């Protein structure tokens, strides 16, 4: 499930560090979170879509690795990002 261009621009604008930032770990995590949310909604209608489930697992793993990186490098950014995205308590 790909994101629409407008959705991507809105997410990038919200989580970017500076003006032309599109690839920082915070932006990547936010984009992955949005894609994961869309795929989860997709599975409510198509329970036997096993090929997409594998893709979902890959997205979750990539997001986990990026979050671990952010937590190691900038703990205060990590906690703010987690709160903004509503991932954990």
Protein backbone atom coordinates (compact mmCIF):
# COMPACT_ATOMS: atom_id res chain seq x y z
CA UNK A 1 0.00 0.00 0.00
CA UNK A 2 1.77 3.09 -1.20
CA UNK A 3 1.23 6.48 0.31
CA UNK A 4 -0.25 9.30 -1.68
CA UNK A 5 2.05 12.19 -2.57
CA UNK A 6 0.07 14.61 -0.38
CA UNK A 7 0.24 12.27 2.62
CA UNK A 8 3.98 11.89 2.20
CA UNK A 9 4.54 15.64 1.94
CA UNK A 10 2.45 16.27 5.04
CA UNK A 11 4.36 13.69 7.09
CA UNK A 12 7.73 14.96 5.88
CA UNK A 13 6.75 18.54 6.74
CA UNK A 14 5.70 17.52 10.24
CA UNK A 15 8.79 15.46 11.16
CA UNK A 16 11.65 17.08 9.20
CA UNK A 17 14.62 18.58 11.03
CA UNK A 18 15.24 21.46 8.64
CA UNK A 19 13.82 22.87 5.42
CA UNK A 20 14.90 20.29 2.79
CA UNK A 21 15.13 17.27 5.08
CA UNK A 22 13.39 14.23 3.61
CA UNK A 23 15.57 11.33 4.71
CA UNK A 24 16.31 11.75 8.39
CA UNK A 25 15.53 8.73 10.58
CA UNK A 26 12.60 10.56 12.18
CA UNK A 27 10.96 11.13 8.80
CA UNK A 28 11.62 7.54 7.74
CA UNK A 29 10.04 6.17 10.92
CA UNK A 30 6.98 8.39 10.46
CA UNK A 31 6.54 7.27 6.84
CA UNK A 32 6.98 3.62 7.76
CA UNK A 33 4.44 4.00 10.56
CA UNK A 34 1.89 5.40 8.12
CA UNK A 35 2.50 2.54 5.66
CA UNK A 36 2.20 -0.02 8.47
CA UNK A 37 -1.10 1.51 9.56
CA UNK A 38 -2.49 1.33 6.02
CA UNK A 39 -1.39 -2.29 5.62
CA UNK A 40 -2.98 -3.23 8.94
CA UNK A 41 -6.28 -1.78 7.75
CA UNK A 42 -5.86 -3.73 4.50
CA UNK A 43 -5.58 -6.99 6.43
CA UNK A 44 -8.93 -6.43 8.11
CA UNK A 45 -10.57 -6.92 4.71
CA UNK A 46 -8.12 -9.44 3.20
CA UNK A 47 -7.15 -11.86 5.94
CA UNK A 48 -5.41 -14.37 3.65
CA UNK A 49 -3.07 -11.94 1.89
CA UNK A 50 0.07 -13.72 3.08
CA UNK A 51 2.43 -12.07 0.59
CA UNK A 52 1.59 -8.63 1.94
CA UNK A 53 1.97 -9.92 5.49
CA UNK A 54 5.59 -10.69 4.71
CA UNK A 55 6.04 -7.14 3.47
CA UNK A 56 4.44 -5.84 6.65
CA UNK A 57 6.89 -7.81 8.76
CA UNK A 58 9.78 -6.32 6.77
CA UNK A 59 8.42 -2.79 7.32
CA UNK A 60 8.04 -3.38 11.06
CA UNK A 61 11.60 -4.70 11.29
CA UNK A 62 12.99 -1.72 9.37
CA UNK A 63 11.11 0.68 11.65
CA UNK A 64 12.39 -1.16 14.73
CA UNK A 65 16.00 -0.84 13.53
CA UNK A 66 15.60 2.88 12.86
CA UNK A 67 14.00 3.41 16.27
CA UNK A 68 16.88 1.56 17.95
CA UNK A 69 19.31 3.83 16.10
CA UNK A 70 17.47 6.97 17.19
CA UNK A 71 17.26 5.72 20.77
CA UNK A 72 21.02 5.12 20.86
CA UNK A 73 21.99 8.45 19.27
CA UNK A 74 19.33 10.89 20.59
CA UNK A 75 17.21 9.61 23.48
CA UNK A 76 15.22 12.85 23.82
CA UNK A 77 14.29 12.77 20.12
CA UNK A 78 13.29 9.12 20.51
CA UNK A 79 10.84 9.82 23.33
CA UNK A 80 9.31 12.78 21.49
CA UNK A 81 8.94 10.73 18.29
CA UNK A 82 7.31 7.84 20.13
CA UNK A 83 4.82 10.22 21.73
CA UNK A 84 4.05 12.00 18.46
CA UNK A 85 3.42 8.75 16.59
CA UNK A 86 1.65 7.05 19.50
CA UNK A 87 3.69 3.87 19.24
CA UNK A 88 4.35 3.03 22.87
CA UNK A 89 3.40 4.26 26.30
